[in-house]
Amino acid sequence: MRNGSFACIVRGGDIENADKAAGAAGAVIASPPTWRGGTGIWAIFIRDGIQHGLWEG
């Protein structure tokens, strides 16, 4: 198992579908899309030991 992280900016307001696609592909959803006070919508999923962060501003 590898350790690491990766952040991705989701453009076009599609963070909900990106998160669903990650789950369908076998990722563990660590934090579903959630509004984070004034910074936008964030989601985190884990796939193959790597944490992926999604952000929609």
N, C-alpha and C. Protein backbone atom coordinates (compact mmCIF):
# COMPACT_ATOMS: atom_id res chain seq x y z
N MET A 1 0.83 -1.17 0.00
CA MET A 1 0.00 0.00 0.00
C MET A 1 0.88 1.25 0.00
N ARG A 2 0.55 2.20 -0.87
CA ARG A 2 1.30 3.44 -0.96
C ARG A 2 0.65 4.52 -0.10
N ASN A 3 1.46 5.44 0.37
CA ASN A 3 0.94 6.59 1.09
C ASN A 3 1.14 7.83 0.24
N GLY A 4 0.19 8.73 0.24
CA GLY A 4 0.33 9.95 -0.53
C GLY A 4 -0.99 10.65 -0.64
N SER A 5 -0.97 11.79 -1.31
CA SER A 5 -2.20 12.53 -1.50
C SER A 5 -2.17 13.23 -2.85
N PHE A 6 -3.33 13.61 -3.32
CA PHE A 6 -3.46 14.27 -4.61
C PHE A 6 -4.68 15.19 -4.53
N ALA A 7 -4.56 16.40 -5.01
CA ALA A 7 -5.69 17.33 -5.02
C ALA A 7 -6.08 17.63 -6.47
N CYS A 8 -7.36 17.80 -6.70
CA CYS A 8 -7.87 18.05 -8.03
C CYS A 8 -8.96 19.12 -7.96
N ILE A 9 -8.91 20.07 -8.87
CA ILE A 9 -9.95 21.07 -8.97
C ILE A 9 -10.97 20.59 -9.99
N VAL A 10 -12.23 20.53 -9.59
CA VAL A 10 -13.29 20.09 -10.50
C VAL A 10 -13.97 21.33 -11.08
N ARG A 11 -13.92 21.46 -12.38
CA ARG A 11 -14.53 22.62 -13.03
C ARG A 11 -15.88 22.26 -13.61
N GLY A 12 -16.72 23.25 -13.73
CA GLY A 12 -18.02 23.03 -14.35
C GLY A 12 -19.09 22.50 -13.41
N GLY A 13 -18.82 22.54 -12.10
CA GLY A 13 -19.84 22.15 -11.13
C GLY A 13 -20.21 20.69 -11.14
N ASP A 14 -19.24 19.81 -11.34
CA ASP A 14 -19.55 18.39 -11.46
C ASP A 14 -18.91 17.56 -10.35
N ILE A 15 -18.69 18.15 -9.19
CA ILE A 15 -18.04 17.42 -8.10
C ILE A 15 -18.89 16.25 -7.62
N GLU A 16 -20.21 16.39 -7.63
CA GLU A 16 -21.10 15.30 -7.19
C GLU A 16 -20.90 14.06 -8.08
N ASN A 17 -20.88 14.26 -9.40
CA ASN A 17 -20.69 13.13 -10.31
C ASN A 17 -19.28 12.56 -10.24
N ALA A 18 -18.28 13.43 -10.04
CA ALA A 18 -16.90 12.95 -9.91
C ALA A 18 -16.77 12.06 -8.68
N ASP A 19 -17.41 12.45 -7.58
CA ASP A 19 -17.36 11.67 -6.35
C ASP A 19 -18.10 10.34 -6.53
N LYS A 20 -19.24 10.36 -7.18
CA LYS A 20 -19.99 9.12 -7.44
C LYS A 20 -19.19 8.17 -8.33
N ALA A 21 -18.52 8.72 -9.34
CA ALA A 21 -17.72 7.90 -10.25
C ALA A 21 -16.55 7.26 -9.50
N ALA A 22 -15.94 8.02 -8.59
CA ALA A 22 -14.84 7.46 -7.79
C ALA A 22 -15.33 6.30 -6.94
N GLY A 23 -16.48 6.46 -6.30
CA GLY A 23 -17.05 5.38 -5.50
C GLY A 23 -17.39 4.16 -6.34
N ALA A 24 -17.95 4.39 -7.52
CA ALA A 24 -18.30 3.28 -8.42
C ALA A 24 -17.06 2.54 -8.91
N ALA A 25 -15.92 3.25 -8.94
CA ALA A 25 -14.67 2.63 -9.41
C ALA A 25 -13.92 1.93 -8.27
N GLY A 26 -14.52 1.92 -7.07
CA GLY A 26 -13.93 1.18 -5.97
C GLY A 26 -13.24 2.03 -4.92
N ALA A 27 -13.30 3.34 -5.04
CA ALA A 27 -12.68 4.20 -4.04
C ALA A 27 -13.54 4.23 -2.77
N VAL A 28 -12.89 4.48 -1.65
CA VAL A 28 -13.58 4.67 -0.38
C VAL A 28 -13.86 6.17 -0.25
N ILE A 29 -15.11 6.54 -0.05
CA ILE A 29 -15.47 7.94 0.12
C ILE A 29 -15.20 8.32 1.57
N ALA A 30 -14.15 9.11 1.79
CA ALA A 30 -13.78 9.52 3.15
C ALA A 30 -14.62 10.70 3.61
N SER A 31 -14.96 11.59 2.68
CA SER A 31 -15.80 12.75 2.99
C SER A 31 -16.58 13.10 1.73
N PRO A 32 -17.90 12.92 1.75
CA PRO A 32 -18.70 13.23 0.56
C PRO A 32 -18.68 14.74 0.29
N PRO A 33 -19.12 15.17 -0.90
CA PRO A 33 -19.13 16.59 -1.21
C PRO A 33 -19.85 17.39 -0.13
N THR A 34 -19.13 18.37 0.43
CA THR A 34 -19.63 19.16 1.55
C THR A 34 -19.21 20.61 1.37
N TRP A 35 -20.15 21.54 1.60
CA TRP A 35 -19.84 22.96 1.54
C TRP A 35 -18.97 23.32 2.75
N ARG A 36 -17.83 23.94 2.50
CA ARG A 36 -16.90 24.33 3.57
C ARG A 36 -16.83 25.85 3.63
N GLY A 37 -17.67 26.44 4.43
CA GLY A 37 -17.78 27.87 4.68
C GLY A 37 -16.96 28.84 3.84
N GLY A 38 -17.49 29.26 2.74
CA GLY A 38 -16.87 30.29 1.93
C GLY A 38 -15.74 29.85 1.03
N THR A 39 -15.30 28.61 1.15
CA THR A 39 -14.19 28.16 0.29
C THR A 39 -14.67 27.29 -0.86
N GLY A 40 -15.88 26.82 -0.81
CA GLY A 40 -16.41 25.98 -1.87
C GLY A 40 -16.83 24.61 -1.38
N ILE A 41 -16.97 23.70 -2.29
CA ILE A 41 -17.39 22.33 -1.98
C ILE A 41 -16.15 21.43 -2.06
N TRP A 42 -15.98 20.63 -1.05
CA TRP A 42 -14.83 19.71 -0.96
C TRP A 42 -15.31 18.27 -0.82
N ALA A 43 -14.55 17.35 -1.36
CA ALA A 43 -14.80 15.92 -1.19
C ALA A 43 -13.45 15.21 -1.13
N ILE A 44 -13.40 14.12 -0.40
CA ILE A 44 -12.16 13.34 -0.29
C ILE A 44 -12.50 11.87 -0.48
N PHE A 45 -11.72 11.19 -1.33
CA PHE A 45 -11.85 9.75 -1.46
C PHE A 45 -10.47 9.11 -1.46
N ILE A 46 -10.43 7.83 -1.14
CA ILE A 46 -9.16 7.09 -1.06
C ILE A 46 -9.22 5.93 -2.04
N ARG A 47 -8.20 5.84 -2.88
CA ARG A 47 -8.11 4.75 -3.85
C ARG A 47 -6.67 4.25 -3.88
N ASP A 48 -6.48 2.97 -3.69
CA ASP A 48 -5.14 2.35 -3.68
C ASP A 48 -4.19 3.03 -2.69
N GLY A 49 -4.73 3.43 -1.53
CA GLY A 49 -3.91 4.04 -0.49
C GLY A 49 -3.57 5.50 -0.72
N ILE A 50 -4.09 6.10 -1.77
CA ILE A 50 -3.82 7.50 -2.06
C ILE A 50 -5.07 8.32 -1.79
N GLN A 51 -4.92 9.39 -1.02
CA GLN A 51 -6.04 10.29 -0.72
C GLN A 51 -6.18 11.30 -1.86
N HIS A 52 -7.38 11.42 -2.38
CA HIS A 52 -7.67 12.36 -3.46
C HIS A 52 -8.64 13.40 -2.93
N GLY A 53 -8.29 14.66 -3.09
CA GLY A 53 -9.18 15.74 -2.66
C GLY A 53 -9.76 16.43 -3.87
N LEU A 54 -11.07 16.61 -3.88
CA LEU A 54 -11.75 17.33 -4.94
C LEU A 54 -12.24 18.67 -4.40
N TRP A 55 -12.10 19.71 -5.19
CA TRP A 55 -12.55 21.05 -4.79
C TRP A 55 -13.28 21.73 -5.92
N GLU A 56 -14.40 22.31 -5.60
CA GLU A 56 -15.18 23.11 -6.54
C GLU A 56 -15.42 24.46 -5.90
N GLY A 57 -14.86 25.52 -6.48
CA GLY A 57 -14.92 26.85 -5.86
C GLY A 57 -16.07 27.68 -6.25
